[in-house]
Amino acid sequence: MNSIAISNETASTDARWSAVLTRDPQADFIYAVRSTGIYCRPACPSRRARPGNVVFFENAGLARSAGFRACRRCDPDGEAPAVRRAQLIAVLCRHIEAEDTPPPLQALAQQAGMSAVQLRRVFQAAMGLTPRAYAQALRARRVQQALADGEANVTQALYGAGFNSSGRFYAQADALLGMAPGQYRKGGQEADIRFAVGQCSLGAILVACSGRGVCAISLGDEADALVQELQGRFPQARLHGGDADFESLVARVVGLVDDPRAPVALPLDIRGTAFQQRVWQALQQVPPGQTLSYAELAARVGSAAAVRAVAGACAANVLAVAIPCHRIVRSDGGISGYRWGVERKRALLTREGAVQEPPPAAGD
């Protein structure tokens, strides 16, 4: 339908009218006012019209074709504010990435033409991190890369990545790397990781455990591929086959695959950036049998506009079922984007009762 009108009676239950009342900057439609002949964006700061005078359109072109003219305050024919903000944030990110040390917030704000408070709010909404935290995450990745390459010692790696203080780096290193920086540089040398592979109802399964807890739960078609992936993460770690006690832990993990509604009573070794940790904590709070969209999850972690960053954090999860990223679906309810395969995601959600099994085909 090209246009939709509302009445005073239906306004209270119309989501589009609610977006106009709250001046929602994320709303993606156009509204026009019959009494003025003007069409606007939902976020327009102009005086609110009476709902009976309002007509909704999918886009500005349809409003123009219906005889309405563009508002001069919100410029609905121009580039959407969300697009302009995204372009601005992209420019600032490139600027931060090019600097050896984090640029001062005030300098970034001047570049963006905003106050420091406004820039911090806009940047965090888009990226899920403040500019300072984004710069810190970049430095952490640079250290990881330098250590993994083995071409620099720990001191060279941390200063080369822009850390001004070794103390500040070491304060973050444990959570970020999961081990001492020296061990990480040596590919996990001297780190002990127990693991076991087997079969479960969703195919091959690998469970690995460090001294802190379960550090990997992987699903796949071939057990050998899962072992190779683990070895690729820490090529020089000491990998040990599990003993009888470890086999009982593996059985508990397999039980979670068979019944993902069961409580996760496992010691977990969770490694990631501060933003990833926030997303994973939010995932653990989604009850079995329920799903969230990526946008809803982004809102829960306080970064409503950082949907892509949230999706990236879900994809970076290496603890299948224990951190239930399978409970995150598309906004239309579609099932996609699972590290271990969409069909496994569908099976887990079916077992939780979040989706229904498809009816059997004729002749089955």
Protein backbone atom coordinates (compact mmCIF):
# COMPACT_ATOMS: atom_id res chain seq x y z
CA MET A 1 0.00 0.00 0.00
CA ASN A 2 1.41 3.39 -1.02
CA SER A 3 -0.21 5.45 1.73
CA ILE A 4 -1.98 4.78 5.01
CA ALA A 5 -4.16 7.20 6.95
CA ILE A 6 -4.95 6.91 10.63
CA SER A 7 -7.85 8.10 12.73
CA ASN A 8 -8.05 9.53 16.21
CA GLU A 9 -9.44 6.18 17.37
CA THR A 10 -6.60 4.04 15.98
CA ALA A 11 -3.72 6.42 16.71
CA SER A 12 -3.04 5.05 20.18
CA THR A 13 -2.26 1.58 18.78
CA ASP A 14 -0.42 2.62 15.62
CA ALA A 15 3.35 2.07 15.87
CA ARG A 16 4.06 4.70 13.22
CA TRP A 17 2.15 7.37 15.08
CA SER A 18 4.03 6.40 18.23
CA ALA A 19 7.29 6.92 16.31
CA VAL A 20 6.13 10.40 15.29
CA LEU A 21 5.18 11.27 18.87
CA THR A 22 8.58 10.16 20.18
CA ARG A 23 10.41 11.62 17.15
CA ASP A 24 12.16 8.29 16.64
CA PRO A 25 15.32 8.91 14.53
CA GLN A 26 15.45 5.24 13.51
CA ALA A 27 11.93 5.14 12.00
CA ASP A 28 12.05 4.59 8.24
CA PHE A 29 8.95 6.12 6.65
CA ILE A 30 7.42 9.50 5.77
CA TYR A 31 4.35 11.16 7.20
CA ALA A 32 2.36 13.96 5.59
CA VAL A 33 -0.14 16.42 7.07
CA ARG A 34 -3.24 17.17 5.04
CA SER A 35 -3.90 20.54 6.68
CA THR A 36 -0.47 21.93 5.73
CA GLY A 37 0.31 19.88 2.63
CA ILE A 38 3.80 19.09 4.01
CA TYR A 39 5.57 15.77 4.47
CA CYS A 40 8.24 15.10 7.12
CA ARG A 41 10.50 12.54 8.68
CA PRO A 42 9.20 10.98 11.94
CA ALA A 43 12.02 12.76 13.85
CA CYS A 44 11.00 16.22 12.58
CA PRO A 45 10.98 18.79 15.43
CA SER A 46 8.01 20.67 13.96
CA ARG A 47 4.72 21.01 15.82
CA ARG A 48 2.82 17.74 15.97
CA ALA A 49 -0.27 17.42 13.80
CA ARG A 50 -3.58 15.91 14.77
CA PRO A 51 -3.57 12.19 13.98
CA GLY A 52 -6.68 12.51 11.83
CA ASN A 53 -4.76 14.82 9.47
CA VAL A 54 -1.79 12.45 9.07
CA VAL A 55 -1.06 10.13 6.17
CA PHE A 56 1.90 7.71 6.12
CA PHE A 57 4.00 6.95 3.06
CA GLU A 58 6.76 4.42 2.47
CA ASN A 59 9.06 7.07 1.00
CA ALA A 60 9.31 10.72 0.02
CA GLY A 61 8.66 10.03 -3.66
CA LEU A 62 5.21 8.65 -2.94
CA ALA A 63 4.40 11.67 -0.75
CA ARG A 64 5.43 14.04 -3.56
CA SER A 65 3.34 12.09 -6.07
CA ALA A 66 0.35 12.54 -3.78
CA GLY A 67 0.79 16.33 -3.97
CA PHE A 68 2.61 17.04 -0.72
CA ARG A 69 5.75 19.22 -0.48
CA ALA A 70 8.89 18.63 1.59
CA CYS A 71 9.39 20.12 5.04
CA ARG A 72 12.22 22.65 5.20
CA ARG A 73 13.11 21.79 8.80
CA CYS A 74 13.79 18.05 8.55
CA ASP A 75 14.61 17.93 4.80
CA PRO A 76 12.98 14.55 4.05
CA ASP A 77 14.30 14.65 0.47
CA GLY A 78 17.90 14.87 1.66
CA GLU A 79 20.15 12.15 2.93
CA ALA A 80 18.74 10.44 6.00
CA PRO A 81 20.34 11.57 9.30
CA ALA A 82 21.19 7.95 10.12
CA VAL A 83 23.17 7.68 6.88
CA ARG A 84 25.02 10.93 7.58
CA ARG A 85 25.87 9.77 11.09
CA ALA A 86 27.11 6.41 9.79
CA GLN A 87 29.36 8.16 7.27
CA LEU A 88 30.71 10.48 9.94
CA ILE A 89 31.43 7.61 12.33
CA ALA A 90 33.21 5.72 9.53
CA VAL A 91 35.47 8.73 8.94
CA LEU A 92 36.26 9.01 12.66
CA CYS A 93 37.01 5.28 12.88
CA ARG A 94 39.51 5.55 10.01
CA HIS A 95 41.09 8.53 11.79
CA ILE A 96 41.42 6.61 15.08
CA GLU A 97 42.87 3.60 13.23
CA ALA A 98 45.52 5.78 11.57
CA GLU A 99 46.78 7.24 14.87
CA ASP A 100 49.45 5.53 16.97
CA THR A 101 47.82 6.72 20.19
CA PRO A 102 44.11 7.34 20.90
CA PRO A 103 43.11 10.87 19.74
CA PRO A 104 41.62 13.07 22.51
CA LEU A 105 37.83 13.05 22.58
CA GLN A 106 37.74 16.84 22.24
CA ALA A 107 39.80 16.68 19.03
CA LEU A 108 37.46 14.11 17.55
CA ALA A 109 34.46 16.21 18.58
CA GLN A 110 35.88 19.27 16.82
CA GLN A 111 36.44 17.21 13.69
CA ALA A 112 32.82 16.00 13.84
CA GLY A 113 31.37 19.43 14.63
CA MET A 114 29.81 18.20 17.86
CA SER A 115 30.28 18.60 21.55
CA ALA A 116 32.38 15.94 23.25
CA VAL A 117 29.33 14.61 25.12
CA GLN A 118 27.27 14.41 21.94
CA LEU A 119 30.04 12.67 19.99
CA ARG A 120 30.57 10.09 22.72
CA ARG A 121 26.84 9.30 22.73
CA VAL A 122 26.54 9.09 18.92
CA PHE A 123 29.74 7.05 18.52
CA GLN A 124 28.75 4.56 21.21
CA ALA A 125 25.27 4.14 19.74
CA ALA A 126 26.78 3.30 16.35
CA MET A 127 29.78 1.19 17.38
CA GLY A 128 28.83 -0.22 20.76
CA LEU A 129 31.98 1.36 22.20
CA THR A 130 33.11 4.83 23.15
CA PRO A 131 35.87 6.34 20.96
CA ARG A 132 38.39 5.58 23.71
CA ALA A 133 37.25 1.97 24.05
CA TYR A 134 37.33 1.58 20.27
CA ALA A 135 40.93 2.80 20.22
CA GLN A 136 41.79 0.40 23.05
CA ALA A 137 40.25 -2.51 21.14
CA LEU A 138 42.33 -1.58 18.09
CA ARG A 139 45.50 -1.54 20.18
CA ALA A 140 44.60 -4.91 21.67
CA ARG A 141 44.14 -6.44 18.21
CA ARG A 142 47.48 -4.98 17.12
CA VAL A 143 49.17 -6.60 20.10
CA GLN A 144 47.49 -9.92 19.34
CA GLN A 145 48.66 -9.78 15.75
CA ALA A 146 52.22 -8.79 16.68
CA LEU A 147 52.45 -11.54 19.29
CA ALA A 148 50.95 -14.12 16.95
CA ASP A 149 53.42 -13.20 14.18
CA GLY A 150 56.27 -13.78 16.61
CA GLU A 151 58.34 -10.97 15.10
CA ALA A 152 58.32 -8.82 18.25
CA ASN A 153 58.78 -9.50 21.93
CA VAL A 154 56.04 -8.55 24.35
CA THR A 155 57.48 -5.12 25.14
CA GLN A 156 57.93 -4.25 21.47
CA ALA A 157 54.41 -5.47 20.68
CA LEU A 158 52.66 -3.48 23.38
CA TYR A 159 54.49 -0.20 22.69
CA GLY A 160 54.25 -0.72 18.95
CA ALA A 161 50.48 -1.04 19.32
CA GLY A 162 50.27 2.33 21.10
CA PHE A 163 50.17 1.31 24.78
CA ASN A 164 51.95 3.99 26.79
CA SER A 165 52.29 1.82 29.87
CA SER A 166 53.13 -1.84 30.27
CA GLY A 167 51.12 -1.86 33.49
CA ARG A 168 47.98 -0.79 31.65
CA PHE A 169 48.48 -3.51 29.05
CA TYR A 170 49.11 -6.27 31.58
CA ALA A 171 45.99 -5.24 33.50
CA GLN A 172 43.94 -6.11 30.40
CA ALA A 173 46.05 -8.94 28.98
CA ASP A 174 44.63 -11.75 31.07
CA ALA A 175 41.02 -11.25 29.97
CA LEU A 176 41.97 -10.47 26.40
CA LEU A 177 44.48 -13.26 25.71
CA GLY A 178 43.42 -15.84 28.26
CA MET A 179 47.05 -16.45 29.22
CA ALA A 180 50.29 -14.62 29.84
CA PRO A 181 51.38 -12.48 26.85
CA GLY A 182 54.60 -14.46 26.57
CA GLN A 183 52.65 -17.69 26.24
CA TYR A 184 50.36 -16.13 23.65
CA ARG A 185 53.37 -15.01 21.61
CA LYS A 186 54.61 -18.60 21.58
CA GLY A 187 51.31 -19.89 20.27
CA GLY A 188 50.15 -21.05 23.67
CA GLN A 189 53.41 -22.78 24.50
CA GLU A 190 53.35 -24.25 28.00
CA ALA A 191 49.56 -23.77 28.17
CA ASP A 192 47.71 -26.99 28.99
CA ILE A 193 44.41 -27.59 27.22
CA ARG A 194 42.45 -30.79 27.67
CA PHE A 195 40.01 -31.75 24.96
CA ALA A 196 37.85 -34.55 23.70
CA VAL A 197 35.93 -35.15 20.50
CA GLY A 198 32.98 -37.36 19.89
CA GLN A 199 29.55 -37.56 18.39
CA CYS A 200 26.31 -35.98 19.53
CA SER A 201 22.86 -35.65 18.03
CA LEU A 202 24.05 -32.68 15.89
CA GLY A 203 27.17 -34.36 14.51
CA ALA A 204 30.76 -34.13 15.70
CA ILE A 205 31.47 -32.22 18.91
CA LEU A 206 34.68 -30.94 20.48
CA VAL A 207 34.96 -29.77 24.07
CA ALA A 208 38.17 -28.10 25.27
CA CYS A 209 39.05 -26.92 28.74
CA SER A 210 41.83 -24.70 30.09
CA GLY A 211 42.78 -24.38 33.73
CA ARG A 212 39.94 -21.87 34.13
CA GLY A 213 37.11 -23.79 32.54
CA VAL A 214 35.56 -24.77 29.24
CA CYS A 215 37.19 -22.63 26.53
CA ALA A 216 35.68 -24.19 23.40
CA ILE A 217 32.54 -26.06 22.43
CA SER A 218 32.47 -26.69 18.70
CA LEU A 219 30.04 -28.53 16.44
CA GLY A 220 30.68 -29.76 12.93
CA ASP A 221 30.57 -32.55 10.41
CA GLU A 222 34.08 -33.91 10.92
CA ALA A 223 35.89 -34.36 14.25
CA ASP A 224 39.30 -33.89 12.61
CA ALA A 225 38.33 -30.43 11.34
CA LEU A 226 37.31 -29.40 14.86
CA VAL A 227 40.66 -30.54 16.27
CA GLN A 228 42.54 -28.66 13.55
CA GLU A 229 40.61 -25.48 14.40
CA LEU A 230 41.60 -25.83 18.06
CA GLN A 231 45.24 -26.42 17.13
CA GLY A 232 45.15 -23.36 14.87
CA ARG A 233 44.15 -21.13 17.78
CA PHE A 234 47.08 -22.25 19.96
CA PRO A 235 49.52 -24.17 17.77
CA GLN A 236 52.10 -24.75 20.48
CA ALA A 237 49.84 -25.43 23.45
CA ARG A 238 50.04 -28.81 25.13
CA LEU A 239 46.84 -30.58 24.08
CA HIS A 240 45.85 -33.51 26.25
CA GLY A 241 43.17 -36.08 25.76
CA GLY A 242 40.59 -36.00 28.52
CA ASP A 243 40.61 -38.43 31.42
CA ALA A 244 37.57 -40.01 33.08
CA ASP A 245 36.71 -36.83 34.97
CA PHE A 246 36.91 -34.83 31.75
CA GLU A 247 34.70 -37.32 29.96
CA SER A 248 32.00 -36.63 32.54
CA LEU A 249 32.24 -32.90 31.73
CA VAL A 250 31.93 -33.70 28.02
CA ALA A 251 28.82 -35.73 28.80
CA ARG A 252 27.31 -32.68 30.50
CA VAL A 253 27.99 -30.60 27.39
CA VAL A 254 26.43 -33.25 25.15
CA GLY A 255 23.44 -33.15 27.48
CA LEU A 256 23.11 -29.42 26.80
CA VAL A 257 23.05 -30.10 23.06
CA ASP A 258 20.30 -32.69 23.51
CA ASP A 259 18.37 -30.45 25.89
CA PRO A 260 19.44 -26.78 25.46
CA ARG A 261 16.71 -25.78 27.93
CA ALA A 262 18.79 -27.21 30.79
CA PRO A 263 20.71 -24.79 33.04
CA VAL A 264 24.35 -24.23 32.08
CA ALA A 265 26.24 -25.39 35.15
CA LEU A 266 29.72 -25.36 33.65
CA PRO A 267 32.89 -23.46 34.53
CA LEU A 268 33.55 -21.26 31.50
CA ASP A 269 36.76 -19.63 30.30
CA ILE A 270 35.34 -16.68 28.36
CA ARG A 271 37.85 -14.56 26.43
CA GLY A 272 37.06 -11.48 24.40
CA THR A 273 36.98 -7.72 24.21
CA ALA A 274 34.92 -5.67 26.64
CA PHE A 275 32.15 -5.26 24.06
CA GLN A 276 32.09 -8.97 23.22
CA GLN A 277 31.88 -9.77 26.91
CA ARG A 278 28.85 -7.47 27.25
CA VAL A 279 27.11 -9.15 24.34
CA TRP A 280 27.89 -12.66 25.61
CA GLN A 281 26.61 -11.80 29.08
CA ALA A 282 23.38 -10.55 27.53
CA LEU A 283 23.09 -13.77 25.51
CA GLN A 284 23.32 -15.82 28.70
CA GLN A 285 20.30 -13.94 30.03
CA VAL A 286 18.01 -14.91 27.13
CA PRO A 287 15.75 -17.67 28.52
CA PRO A 288 15.41 -21.00 26.69
CA GLY A 289 12.51 -21.04 24.29
CA GLN A 290 12.79 -17.32 23.59
CA THR A 291 14.56 -15.45 20.79
CA LEU A 292 15.75 -11.92 20.21
CA SER A 293 16.59 -10.12 17.01
CA TYR A 294 20.08 -8.70 16.57
CA ALA A 295 18.54 -5.23 16.95
CA GLU A 296 16.85 -6.19 20.23
CA LEU A 297 20.10 -7.63 21.55
CA ALA A 298 21.92 -4.44 20.57
CA ALA A 299 19.35 -2.43 22.53
CA ARG A 300 19.84 -4.68 25.57
CA VAL A 301 23.57 -3.97 25.69
CA GLY A 302 22.91 -0.24 25.40
CA SER A 303 24.08 0.12 21.80
CA ALA A 304 20.88 0.14 19.78
CA ALA A 305 22.54 1.27 16.55
CA ALA A 306 25.47 -1.17 16.76
CA VAL A 307 23.62 -4.10 15.21
CA ARG A 308 26.54 -5.15 13.02
CA ALA A 309 28.95 -5.08 15.94
CA VAL A 310 26.55 -7.23 17.97
CA ALA A 311 26.25 -9.70 15.09
CA GLY A 312 30.05 -9.82 14.94
CA ALA A 313 30.25 -10.59 18.66
CA CYS A 314 27.74 -13.43 18.21
CA ALA A 315 29.83 -14.82 15.35
CA ALA A 316 32.98 -14.65 17.52
CA ASN A 317 31.45 -16.86 20.22
CA VAL A 318 33.33 -20.18 20.50
CA LEU A 319 31.16 -21.73 23.21
CA ALA A 320 28.20 -23.27 21.41
CA VAL A 321 25.10 -23.75 23.57
CA ALA A 322 26.86 -22.53 26.73
CA ILE A 323 26.66 -19.00 25.36
CA PRO A 324 23.38 -19.35 23.45
CA CYS A 325 23.93 -17.23 20.37
CA HIS A 326 21.51 -19.61 18.60
CA ARG A 327 18.68 -17.64 20.27
CA ILE A 328 19.39 -14.59 18.12
CA VAL A 329 17.44 -14.41 14.86
CA ARG A 330 16.72 -11.89 12.12
CA SER A 331 14.17 -9.14 12.68
CA ASP A 332 11.65 -11.06 10.57
CA GLY A 333 12.18 -14.17 12.69
CA GLY A 334 14.30 -15.89 10.05
CA ILE A 335 17.09 -18.22 11.19
CA SER A 336 20.53 -17.37 9.85
CA GLY A 337 24.08 -16.55 10.80
CA TYR A 338 25.24 -19.44 13.00
CA ARG A 339 28.92 -20.34 13.30
CA TRP A 340 28.13 -24.05 13.34
CA GLY A 341 25.48 -24.12 10.63
CA VAL A 342 21.94 -22.82 10.25
CA GLU A 343 20.37 -26.28 10.47
CA ARG A 344 22.02 -26.88 13.85
CA LYS A 345 20.68 -23.53 15.00
CA ARG A 346 17.21 -24.51 13.85
CA ALA A 347 17.48 -27.85 15.64
CA LEU A 348 18.48 -26.20 18.93
CA LEU A 349 15.62 -23.71 18.72
CA THR A 350 13.19 -26.52 17.90
CA ARG A 351 14.35 -28.45 20.97
CA GLU A 352 13.75 -25.36 23.09
CA GLY A 353 10.29 -24.88 21.61
CA ALA A 354 11.18 -21.56 20.01
CA VAL A 355 10.30 -22.86 16.53
CA GLN A 356 8.07 -25.69 15.42
CA GLU A 357 9.22 -28.75 13.56
CA PRO A 358 8.17 -28.58 9.89
CA PRO A 359 5.39 -31.04 8.99
CA PRO A 360 6.60 -34.30 7.42
CA ALA A 361 6.61 -34.45 3.64
CA ALA A 362 4.00 -36.53 1.90
CA GLY A 363 5.00 -40.19 1.86
CA ASP A 364 7.36 -39.92 4.85
